[in-house]
Amino acid sequence: MLYFIQILYVKEGQEETFHAFEDHVLPLLQRHNGVLVYRARPAKEAVIATEMGYPYEIHIVTFPEQADFESYRDDPERMQFLYLKDQSVDSLRLIRGAML
């Protein structure tokens, strides 16, 4: 099982655009054997220490295989909404890991 942690920084004032992007793409995870295990919007007060700033959201998603992740990433339906992500996301970090 592969785990992907995504730390997202959204442009101020673009939160609704980001929500629209997620409303379109998160349901596609199931099509590619993905599971959204965790999705959080941490308050600044909840962050004890940071070298990366304060994220808008943090996601943990699992896929059984790398090919499943790539299939989701390259899904044509997902691709048609990338303009919403480009418009709303300032930066992101994607961390790939595996359960040991």
N, C-alpha and C. Protein backbone atom coordinates (compact mmCIF):
# COMPACT_ATOMS: atom_id res chain seq x y z
N MET A 1 0.85 -1.18 0.00
CA MET A 1 0.00 0.00 0.00
C MET A 1 0.90 1.24 0.00
N LEU A 2 0.59 2.17 -0.87
CA LEU A 2 1.33 3.43 -0.96
C LEU A 2 0.52 4.54 -0.32
N TYR A 3 1.22 5.42 0.35
CA TYR A 3 0.59 6.57 1.00
C TYR A 3 1.13 7.84 0.37
N PHE A 4 0.25 8.76 0.11
CA PHE A 4 0.63 10.06 -0.40
C PHE A 4 0.10 11.12 0.55
N ILE A 5 1.00 11.94 1.05
CA ILE A 5 0.62 13.06 1.91
C ILE A 5 0.78 14.32 1.08
N GLN A 6 -0.29 15.08 0.99
CA GLN A 6 -0.25 16.32 0.23
C GLN A 6 -0.52 17.47 1.19
N ILE A 7 0.41 18.41 1.21
CA ILE A 7 0.30 19.61 2.04
C ILE A 7 0.05 20.76 1.09
N LEU A 8 -1.12 21.40 1.23
CA LEU A 8 -1.57 22.39 0.25
C LEU A 8 -1.63 23.78 0.83
N TYR A 9 -1.12 24.72 0.05
CA TYR A 9 -1.15 26.14 0.40
C TYR A 9 -2.01 26.84 -0.65
N VAL A 10 -3.12 27.41 -0.23
CA VAL A 10 -4.08 28.02 -1.14
C VAL A 10 -3.91 29.54 -1.13
N LYS A 11 -4.04 30.13 -2.30
CA LYS A 11 -3.95 31.58 -2.42
C LYS A 11 -5.11 32.23 -1.66
N GLU A 12 -4.79 33.29 -0.94
CA GLU A 12 -5.82 34.00 -0.19
C GLU A 12 -6.91 34.48 -1.15
N GLY A 13 -8.15 34.23 -0.78
CA GLY A 13 -9.29 34.62 -1.60
C GLY A 13 -9.69 33.59 -2.65
N GLN A 14 -8.91 32.51 -2.78
CA GLN A 14 -9.20 31.47 -3.78
C GLN A 14 -9.71 30.18 -3.15
N GLU A 15 -10.16 30.25 -1.91
CA GLU A 15 -10.60 29.05 -1.21
C GLU A 15 -11.79 28.38 -1.92
N GLU A 16 -12.76 29.16 -2.37
CA GLU A 16 -13.93 28.57 -3.03
C GLU A 16 -13.55 27.91 -4.35
N THR A 17 -12.60 28.48 -5.06
CA THR A 17 -12.12 27.87 -6.30
C THR A 17 -11.45 26.55 -5.99
N PHE A 18 -10.65 26.52 -4.92
CA PHE A 18 -10.00 25.28 -4.50
C PHE A 18 -11.05 24.24 -4.11
N HIS A 19 -12.08 24.64 -3.38
CA HIS A 19 -13.15 23.71 -2.99
C HIS A 19 -13.83 23.14 -4.24
N ALA A 20 -14.05 23.97 -5.25
CA ALA A 20 -14.67 23.50 -6.49
C ALA A 20 -13.78 22.44 -7.15
N PHE A 21 -12.47 22.67 -7.17
CA PHE A 21 -11.55 21.68 -7.73
C PHE A 21 -11.69 20.36 -6.98
N GLU A 22 -11.63 20.41 -5.68
CA GLU A 22 -11.73 19.18 -4.88
C GLU A 22 -13.07 18.49 -5.04
N ASP A 23 -14.14 19.26 -5.16
CA ASP A 23 -15.46 18.67 -5.36
C ASP A 23 -15.50 17.84 -6.63
N HIS A 24 -14.74 18.24 -7.64
CA HIS A 24 -14.71 17.50 -8.90
C HIS A 24 -13.76 16.31 -8.87
N VAL A 25 -12.61 16.45 -8.23
CA VAL A 25 -11.58 15.42 -8.37
C VAL A 25 -11.53 14.38 -7.25
N LEU A 26 -11.89 14.75 -6.05
CA LEU A 26 -11.81 13.76 -4.96
C LEU A 26 -12.71 12.55 -5.19
N PRO A 27 -13.92 12.72 -5.72
CA PRO A 27 -14.74 11.52 -5.98
C PRO A 27 -14.12 10.56 -7.00
N LEU A 28 -13.18 11.03 -7.81
CA LEU A 28 -12.54 10.17 -8.80
C LEU A 28 -11.55 9.19 -8.18
N LEU A 29 -11.17 9.41 -6.95
CA LEU A 29 -10.20 8.51 -6.30
C LEU A 29 -10.68 7.06 -6.34
N GLN A 30 -11.94 6.83 -6.03
CA GLN A 30 -12.47 5.45 -5.98
C GLN A 30 -12.30 4.74 -7.32
N ARG A 31 -12.44 5.47 -8.41
CA ARG A 31 -12.30 4.90 -9.75
C ARG A 31 -10.92 4.28 -9.95
N HIS A 32 -9.94 4.77 -9.18
CA HIS A 32 -8.55 4.34 -9.34
C HIS A 32 -8.02 3.63 -8.09
N ASN A 33 -8.93 3.09 -7.30
CA ASN A 33 -8.59 2.33 -6.09
C ASN A 33 -7.96 3.19 -5.00
N GLY A 34 -8.18 4.49 -5.08
CA GLY A 34 -7.64 5.40 -4.07
C GLY A 34 -8.63 5.60 -2.93
N VAL A 35 -8.08 5.90 -1.77
CA VAL A 35 -8.90 6.17 -0.58
C VAL A 35 -8.37 7.44 0.08
N LEU A 36 -9.27 8.38 0.31
CA LEU A 36 -8.92 9.59 1.06
C LEU A 36 -9.03 9.23 2.54
N VAL A 37 -7.89 8.97 3.16
CA VAL A 37 -7.84 8.52 4.54
C VAL A 37 -8.02 9.67 5.51
N TYR A 38 -7.50 10.83 5.13
CA TYR A 38 -7.46 11.97 6.05
C TYR A 38 -7.47 13.26 5.25
N ARG A 39 -8.31 14.17 5.65
CA ARG A 39 -8.36 15.51 5.03
C ARG A 39 -8.63 16.49 6.15
N ALA A 40 -7.70 17.42 6.35
CA ALA A 40 -7.83 18.34 7.48
C ALA A 40 -7.43 19.75 7.08
N ARG A 41 -8.05 20.71 7.74
CA ARG A 41 -7.68 22.12 7.64
C ARG A 41 -7.20 22.56 9.01
N PRO A 42 -5.91 22.43 9.27
CA PRO A 42 -5.41 22.75 10.60
C PRO A 42 -5.41 24.24 10.90
N ALA A 43 -5.89 24.57 12.07
CA ALA A 43 -5.83 25.97 12.53
C ALA A 43 -4.38 26.30 12.85
N LYS A 44 -4.00 27.56 12.68
CA LYS A 44 -2.62 27.96 12.98
C LYS A 44 -2.25 27.59 14.40
N GLU A 45 -3.20 27.72 15.31
CA GLU A 45 -2.93 27.41 16.72
C GLU A 45 -2.63 25.92 16.93
N ALA A 46 -3.06 25.07 15.99
CA ALA A 46 -2.84 23.63 16.11
C ALA A 46 -1.44 23.21 15.65
N VAL A 47 -0.73 24.10 14.97
CA VAL A 47 0.61 23.78 14.47
C VAL A 47 1.62 24.12 15.57
N ILE A 48 2.32 23.12 16.03
CA ILE A 48 3.27 23.30 17.13
C ILE A 48 4.59 23.88 16.62
N ALA A 49 5.04 23.40 15.46
CA ALA A 49 6.29 23.91 14.86
C ALA A 49 6.19 23.75 13.36
N THR A 50 6.82 24.64 12.62
CA THR A 50 6.80 24.54 11.17
C THR A 50 8.04 25.19 10.56
N GLU A 51 8.57 24.55 9.55
CA GLU A 51 9.60 25.12 8.69
C GLU A 51 8.99 25.45 7.33
N MET A 52 7.69 25.09 7.15
CA MET A 52 7.06 25.19 5.84
C MET A 52 5.91 26.20 5.82
N GLY A 53 5.60 26.85 6.91
CA GLY A 53 4.45 27.74 6.94
C GLY A 53 3.19 27.00 7.34
N TYR A 54 2.08 27.66 7.15
CA TYR A 54 0.79 27.13 7.59
C TYR A 54 -0.04 26.68 6.40
N PRO A 55 -0.26 25.38 6.25
CA PRO A 55 -1.02 24.89 5.10
C PRO A 55 -2.51 25.17 5.26
N TYR A 56 -3.18 25.21 4.12
CA TYR A 56 -4.63 25.33 4.12
C TYR A 56 -5.26 23.97 4.39
N GLU A 57 -4.75 22.93 3.73
CA GLU A 57 -5.25 21.57 3.94
C GLU A 57 -4.10 20.58 3.91
N ILE A 58 -4.34 19.44 4.56
CA ILE A 58 -3.43 18.30 4.51
C ILE A 58 -4.27 17.08 4.16
N HIS A 59 -3.82 16.31 3.16
CA HIS A 59 -4.51 15.10 2.75
C HIS A 59 -3.59 13.90 2.91
N ILE A 60 -4.15 12.78 3.30
CA ILE A 60 -3.46 11.49 3.22
C ILE A 60 -4.33 10.60 2.35
N VAL A 61 -3.74 10.11 1.25
CA VAL A 61 -4.46 9.27 0.30
C VAL A 61 -3.67 7.98 0.12
N THR A 62 -4.37 6.87 -0.02
CA THR A 62 -3.70 5.59 -0.27
C THR A 62 -4.10 5.04 -1.63
N PHE A 63 -3.15 4.32 -2.23
CA PHE A 63 -3.37 3.57 -3.46
C PHE A 63 -2.65 2.23 -3.29
N PRO A 64 -3.23 1.14 -3.79
CA PRO A 64 -2.56 -0.16 -3.68
C PRO A 64 -1.23 -0.20 -4.45
N GLU A 65 -1.18 0.45 -5.60
CA GLU A 65 -0.01 0.38 -6.47
C GLU A 65 0.31 1.76 -7.05
N GLN A 66 1.54 1.97 -7.46
CA GLN A 66 1.95 3.20 -8.11
C GLN A 66 1.12 3.45 -9.37
N ALA A 67 0.80 2.38 -10.11
CA ALA A 67 0.02 2.51 -11.34
C ALA A 67 -1.37 3.08 -11.05
N ASP A 68 -1.96 2.75 -9.89
CA ASP A 68 -3.26 3.31 -9.52
C ASP A 68 -3.16 4.82 -9.30
N PHE A 69 -2.11 5.24 -8.61
CA PHE A 69 -1.88 6.67 -8.40
C PHE A 69 -1.71 7.39 -9.74
N GLU A 70 -0.90 6.82 -10.62
CA GLU A 70 -0.65 7.44 -11.91
C GLU A 70 -1.93 7.50 -12.75
N SER A 71 -2.75 6.49 -12.65
CA SER A 71 -4.02 6.47 -13.36
C SER A 71 -4.93 7.59 -12.86
N TYR A 72 -4.97 7.81 -11.55
CA TYR A 72 -5.74 8.92 -11.00
C TYR A 72 -5.15 10.26 -11.44
N ARG A 73 -3.86 10.38 -11.29
CA ARG A 73 -3.18 11.63 -11.65
C ARG A 73 -3.46 12.02 -13.10
N ASP A 74 -3.50 11.03 -14.00
CA ASP A 74 -3.64 11.28 -15.42
C ASP A 74 -5.07 11.13 -15.93
N ASP A 75 -6.04 10.93 -15.03
CA ASP A 75 -7.44 10.75 -15.43
C ASP A 75 -7.90 11.95 -16.26
N PRO A 76 -8.42 11.74 -17.47
CA PRO A 76 -8.86 12.86 -18.31
C PRO A 76 -9.94 13.72 -17.64
N GLU A 77 -10.82 13.11 -16.88
CA GLU A 77 -11.83 13.91 -16.19
C GLU A 77 -11.19 14.82 -15.15
N ARG A 78 -10.20 14.31 -14.43
CA ARG A 78 -9.48 15.13 -13.46
C ARG A 78 -8.72 16.25 -14.17
N MET A 79 -8.10 15.92 -15.29
CA MET A 79 -7.29 16.88 -16.02
C MET A 79 -8.10 18.10 -16.47
N GLN A 80 -9.36 17.91 -16.76
CA GLN A 80 -10.16 19.04 -17.26
C GLN A 80 -10.43 20.08 -16.17
N PHE A 81 -10.16 19.74 -14.89
CA PHE A 81 -10.37 20.69 -13.80
C PHE A 81 -9.08 21.25 -13.22
N LEU A 82 -7.95 20.91 -13.83
CA LEU A 82 -6.66 21.38 -13.31
C LEU A 82 -6.55 22.91 -13.33
N TYR A 83 -7.28 23.56 -14.21
CA TYR A 83 -7.24 25.02 -14.23
C TYR A 83 -7.71 25.61 -12.91
N LEU A 84 -8.64 24.93 -12.23
CA LEU A 84 -9.10 25.40 -10.91
C LEU A 84 -7.98 25.26 -9.88
N LYS A 85 -7.24 24.18 -9.96
CA LYS A 85 -6.10 23.98 -9.06
C LYS A 85 -5.03 25.03 -9.33
N ASP A 86 -4.72 25.25 -10.60
CA ASP A 86 -3.71 26.23 -10.97
C ASP A 86 -4.10 27.63 -10.50
N GLN A 87 -5.38 27.93 -10.56
CA GLN A 87 -5.86 29.25 -10.16
C GLN A 87 -5.83 29.44 -8.64
N SER A 88 -6.01 28.36 -7.90
CA SER A 88 -6.21 28.51 -6.45
C SER A 88 -5.04 28.08 -5.58
N VAL A 89 -4.19 27.19 -6.04
CA VAL A 89 -3.12 26.66 -5.20
C VAL A 89 -1.84 27.46 -5.40
N ASP A 90 -1.33 28.00 -4.30
CA ASP A 90 -0.08 28.74 -4.32
C ASP A 90 1.10 27.79 -4.43
N SER A 91 1.09 26.74 -3.61
CA SER A 91 2.13 25.72 -3.66
C SER A 91 1.62 24.48 -2.94
N LEU A 92 2.33 23.37 -3.16
CA LEU A 92 1.98 22.13 -2.47
C LEU A 92 3.21 21.27 -2.33
N ARG A 93 3.15 20.38 -1.38
CA ARG A 93 4.19 19.38 -1.18
C ARG A 93 3.51 18.02 -1.27
N LEU A 94 4.08 17.11 -2.05
CA LEU A 94 3.56 15.76 -2.17
C LEU A 94 4.64 14.82 -1.65
N ILE A 95 4.28 14.06 -0.63
CA ILE A 95 5.23 13.14 0.02
C ILE A 95 4.71 11.74 -0.20
N ARG A 96 5.55 10.87 -0.76
CA ARG A 96 5.17 9.49 -1.05
C ARG A 96 5.83 8.59 -0.02
N GLY A 97 5.04 7.65 0.48
CA GLY A 97 5.57 6.70 1.45
C GLY A 97 4.87 5.36 1.35
N ALA A 98 5.33 4.42 2.15
CA ALA A 98 4.75 3.08 2.18
C ALA A 98 4.62 2.64 3.62
N MET A 99 3.64 1.80 3.87
CA MET A 99 3.45 1.24 5.21
C MET A 99 4.51 0.16 5.43
N LEU A 100 5.21 0.27 6.53
CA LEU A 100 6.25 -0.73 6.84
C LEU A 100 5.74 -1.75 7.82
